Amino acid sequence: MLLKHAFFMVNLSHRLLSYFRQHNPGSGIIDLKAYYRGFRYVREMLKMLREKPEPILLTQIFVKLTVLGHIHPVSTGVEPS
């Protein structure tokens, strides 16, 4: 059972990485992990706020926090400030 789980995780990470590389060529597993870790941090932070931020500010927050820990440069439609 453990071996099946390991194969599943390898296959899943390669699939996610192939999608991620469409917008961020040259990215690796560490970049993918950093993106999803940052995404989770933003979601947890938003749960603590009383009001949801404006969409533009929310986008900037997501961009800034999801690129922390990346090794390769990330291509986003928004420039972090």
N, C-alpha and C. Protein backbone atom coordinates (compact mmCIF):
# COMPACT_ATOMS: atom_id res chain seq x y z
N MET A 1 0.82 -1.19 0.00
CA MET A 1 0.00 0.00 0.00
C MET A 1 0.87 1.26 0.00
N LEU A 2 1.93 1.24 0.77
CA LEU A 2 2.82 2.39 0.84
C LEU A 2 3.47 2.69 -0.51
N LEU A 3 3.80 1.65 -1.24
CA LEU A 3 4.41 1.82 -2.55
C LEU A 3 3.43 2.46 -3.53
N LYS A 4 2.16 2.05 -3.46
CA LYS A 4 1.13 2.65 -4.33
C LYS A 4 1.00 4.14 -4.02
N HIS A 5 1.03 4.48 -2.74
CA HIS A 5 0.91 5.88 -2.33
C HIS A 5 2.09 6.69 -2.86
N ALA A 6 3.28 6.14 -2.80
CA ALA A 6 4.47 6.83 -3.28
C ALA A 6 4.38 7.06 -4.79
N PHE A 7 3.95 6.05 -5.54
CA PHE A 7 3.80 6.22 -6.98
C PHE A 7 2.74 7.26 -7.30
N PHE A 8 1.65 7.25 -6.55
CA PHE A 8 0.60 8.23 -6.77
C PHE A 8 1.13 9.65 -6.56
N MET A 9 1.88 9.87 -5.48
CA MET A 9 2.40 11.19 -5.19
C MET A 9 3.39 11.65 -6.25
N VAL A 10 4.22 10.74 -6.74
CA VAL A 10 5.18 11.10 -7.80
C VAL A 10 4.42 11.47 -9.07
N ASN A 11 3.43 10.66 -9.43
CA ASN A 11 2.64 10.95 -10.64
C ASN A 11 1.88 12.26 -10.50
N LEU A 12 1.28 12.49 -9.34
CA LEU A 12 0.54 13.72 -9.12
C LEU A 12 1.45 14.94 -9.19
N SER A 13 2.60 14.87 -8.55
CA SER A 13 3.50 16.03 -8.56
C SER A 13 4.02 16.32 -9.96
N HIS A 14 4.27 15.28 -10.75
CA HIS A 14 4.72 15.52 -12.13
C HIS A 14 3.60 16.13 -12.97
N ARG A 15 2.37 15.71 -12.74
CA ARG A 15 1.23 16.27 -13.47
C ARG A 15 1.05 17.75 -13.10
N LEU A 16 1.07 18.05 -11.81
CA LEU A 16 0.94 19.44 -11.37
C LEU A 16 2.09 20.29 -11.88
N LEU A 17 3.29 19.73 -11.89
CA LEU A 17 4.45 20.46 -12.37
C LEU A 17 4.33 20.76 -13.86
N SER A 18 3.77 19.84 -14.63
CA SER A 18 3.61 20.10 -16.07
C SER A 18 2.65 21.26 -16.30
N TYR A 19 1.57 21.35 -15.50
CA TYR A 19 0.65 22.49 -15.61
C TYR A 19 1.34 23.78 -15.16
N PHE A 20 2.08 23.69 -14.07
CA PHE A 20 2.76 24.86 -13.50
C PHE A 20 3.79 25.41 -14.48
N ARG A 21 4.47 24.53 -15.19
CA ARG A 21 5.52 24.96 -16.14
C ARG A 21 4.95 25.64 -17.39
N GLN A 22 3.66 25.51 -17.65
CA GLN A 22 3.08 26.20 -18.79
C GLN A 22 3.21 27.71 -18.62
N HIS A 23 3.13 28.19 -17.39
CA HIS A 23 3.26 29.62 -17.13
C HIS A 23 4.60 29.98 -16.50
N ASN A 24 5.31 28.97 -16.01
CA ASN A 24 6.59 29.20 -15.33
C ASN A 24 7.62 28.19 -15.82
N PRO A 25 8.08 28.35 -17.06
CA PRO A 25 9.03 27.37 -17.60
C PRO A 25 10.32 27.32 -16.77
N GLY A 26 10.86 26.13 -16.65
CA GLY A 26 12.09 25.95 -15.91
C GLY A 26 11.89 25.74 -14.42
N SER A 27 10.66 25.83 -13.96
CA SER A 27 10.38 25.63 -12.54
C SER A 27 10.54 24.17 -12.17
N GLY A 28 10.84 23.94 -10.90
CA GLY A 28 11.01 22.58 -10.42
C GLY A 28 10.05 22.28 -9.27
N ILE A 29 10.26 21.12 -8.68
CA ILE A 29 9.41 20.67 -7.59
C ILE A 29 9.45 21.64 -6.41
N ILE A 30 10.61 22.18 -6.10
CA ILE A 30 10.70 23.11 -4.97
C ILE A 30 9.87 24.37 -5.24
N ASP A 31 9.86 24.85 -6.48
CA ASP A 31 9.04 25.99 -6.85
C ASP A 31 7.56 25.67 -6.69
N LEU A 32 7.19 24.47 -7.11
CA LEU A 32 5.80 24.03 -7.00
C LEU A 32 5.38 23.95 -5.53
N LYS A 33 6.24 23.38 -4.71
CA LYS A 33 5.95 23.27 -3.27
C LYS A 33 5.84 24.66 -2.64
N ALA A 34 6.72 25.57 -3.03
CA ALA A 34 6.69 26.93 -2.47
C ALA A 34 5.40 27.63 -2.86
N TYR A 35 4.95 27.43 -4.10
CA TYR A 35 3.71 28.06 -4.56
C TYR A 35 2.53 27.58 -3.73
N TYR A 36 2.39 26.28 -3.59
CA TYR A 36 1.24 25.74 -2.86
C TYR A 36 1.33 26.04 -1.37
N ARG A 37 2.52 26.10 -0.81
CA ARG A 37 2.67 26.46 0.60
C ARG A 37 2.24 27.91 0.79
N GLY A 38 2.68 28.80 -0.10
CA GLY A 38 2.27 30.20 -0.02
C GLY A 38 0.78 30.37 -0.20
N PHE A 39 0.21 29.59 -1.11
CA PHE A 39 -1.23 29.64 -1.36
C PHE A 39 -1.99 29.26 -0.09
N ARG A 40 -1.50 28.23 0.60
CA ARG A 40 -2.16 27.81 1.84
C ARG A 40 -2.02 28.88 2.92
N TYR A 41 -0.86 29.50 3.02
CA TYR A 41 -0.66 30.56 4.01
C TYR A 41 -1.64 31.71 3.77
N VAL A 42 -1.84 32.08 2.51
CA VAL A 42 -2.77 33.16 2.20
C VAL A 42 -4.18 32.77 2.61
N ARG A 43 -4.59 31.56 2.28
CA ARG A 43 -5.94 31.11 2.64
C ARG A 43 -6.14 31.13 4.15
N GLU A 44 -5.13 30.68 4.91
CA GLU A 44 -5.24 30.68 6.37
C GLU A 44 -5.27 32.11 6.91
N MET A 45 -4.49 33.00 6.31
CA MET A 45 -4.47 34.39 6.76
C MET A 45 -5.84 35.04 6.49
N LEU A 46 -6.44 34.75 5.35
CA LEU A 46 -7.73 35.35 5.02
C LEU A 46 -8.82 34.93 5.99
N LYS A 47 -8.70 33.73 6.55
CA LYS A 47 -9.70 33.27 7.52
C LYS A 47 -9.67 34.11 8.79
N MET A 48 -8.54 34.74 9.08
CA MET A 48 -8.41 35.54 10.30
C MET A 48 -8.93 36.96 10.12
N LEU A 49 -9.10 37.40 8.89
CA LEU A 49 -9.55 38.78 8.64
C LEU A 49 -11.06 38.90 8.82
N ARG A 50 -11.48 40.05 9.30
CA ARG A 50 -12.92 40.29 9.45
C ARG A 50 -13.59 40.51 8.10
N GLU A 51 -12.89 41.23 7.21
CA GLU A 51 -13.43 41.53 5.89
C GLU A 51 -12.47 41.01 4.83
N LYS A 52 -13.03 40.58 3.72
CA LYS A 52 -12.20 40.13 2.61
C LYS A 52 -11.63 41.36 1.90
N PRO A 53 -10.32 41.37 1.59
CA PRO A 53 -9.73 42.54 0.90
C PRO A 53 -10.28 42.73 -0.50
N GLU A 54 -10.07 43.91 -1.02
CA GLU A 54 -10.47 44.22 -2.40
C GLU A 54 -9.78 43.24 -3.35
N PRO A 55 -10.40 42.92 -4.49
CA PRO A 55 -9.82 41.94 -5.42
C PRO A 55 -8.40 42.27 -5.86
N ILE A 56 -8.10 43.54 -6.12
CA ILE A 56 -6.75 43.90 -6.58
C ILE A 56 -5.74 43.66 -5.46
N LEU A 57 -6.07 44.06 -4.24
CA LEU A 57 -5.18 43.82 -3.11
C LEU A 57 -5.04 42.32 -2.85
N LEU A 58 -6.12 41.58 -2.97
CA LEU A 58 -6.09 40.14 -2.77
C LEU A 58 -5.15 39.47 -3.78
N THR A 59 -5.20 39.90 -5.03
CA THR A 59 -4.31 39.37 -6.06
C THR A 59 -2.85 39.67 -5.73
N GLN A 60 -2.59 40.89 -5.29
CA GLN A 60 -1.21 41.27 -4.93
C GLN A 60 -0.71 40.44 -3.75
N ILE A 61 -1.58 40.18 -2.79
CA ILE A 61 -1.19 39.36 -1.64
C ILE A 61 -0.85 37.95 -2.10
N PHE A 62 -1.70 37.36 -2.94
CA PHE A 62 -1.44 36.01 -3.44
C PHE A 62 -0.12 35.95 -4.20
N VAL A 63 0.13 36.94 -5.06
CA VAL A 63 1.36 36.95 -5.85
C VAL A 63 2.58 37.05 -4.94
N LYS A 64 2.52 37.97 -4.01
CA LYS A 64 3.68 38.20 -3.14
C LYS A 64 4.00 36.98 -2.27
N LEU A 65 2.99 36.34 -1.72
CA LEU A 65 3.23 35.22 -0.81
C LEU A 65 3.48 33.90 -1.53
N THR A 66 2.96 33.72 -2.72
CA THR A 66 3.18 32.45 -3.41
C THR A 66 4.53 32.40 -4.11
N VAL A 67 5.22 33.52 -4.24
CA VAL A 67 6.55 33.48 -4.85
C VAL A 67 7.67 33.38 -3.82
N LEU A 68 7.32 33.50 -2.54
CA LEU A 68 8.33 33.33 -1.49
C LEU A 68 8.84 31.90 -1.52
N GLY A 69 10.13 31.73 -1.50
CA GLY A 69 10.71 30.40 -1.48
C GLY A 69 10.98 29.81 -2.85
N HIS A 70 10.59 30.51 -3.92
CA HIS A 70 10.87 30.02 -5.26
C HIS A 70 12.35 30.14 -5.57
N ILE A 71 12.85 29.20 -6.33
CA ILE A 71 14.24 29.24 -6.76
C ILE A 71 14.33 29.91 -8.12
N HIS A 72 13.42 29.56 -9.01
CA HIS A 72 13.42 30.11 -10.37
C HIS A 72 12.47 31.29 -10.44
N PRO A 73 12.74 32.25 -11.31
CA PRO A 73 11.83 33.40 -11.46
C PRO A 73 10.45 32.92 -11.90
N VAL A 74 9.44 33.62 -11.42
CA VAL A 74 8.05 33.25 -11.70
C VAL A 74 7.45 34.29 -12.62
N SER A 75 6.66 33.82 -13.57
CA SER A 75 5.97 34.73 -14.46
C SER A 75 4.54 34.84 -13.98
N THR A 76 4.18 36.06 -13.55
CA THR A 76 2.80 36.32 -13.12
C THR A 76 2.30 37.51 -13.91
N GLY A 77 1.00 37.65 -13.96
CA GLY A 77 0.42 38.80 -14.64
C GLY A 77 0.47 40.04 -13.77
N VAL A 78 0.83 39.88 -12.51
CA VAL A 78 0.84 41.00 -11.55
C VAL A 78 2.24 41.12 -11.00
N GLU A 79 2.71 42.34 -10.92
CA GLU A 79 4.02 42.59 -10.34
C GLU A 79 3.87 42.80 -8.84
N PRO A 80 4.59 42.02 -8.03
CA PRO A 80 4.51 42.26 -6.59
C PRO A 80 5.15 43.58 -6.23
N SER A 81 4.56 44.30 -5.28
CA SER A 81 5.11 45.60 -4.90
C SER A 81 6.06 45.47 -3.74
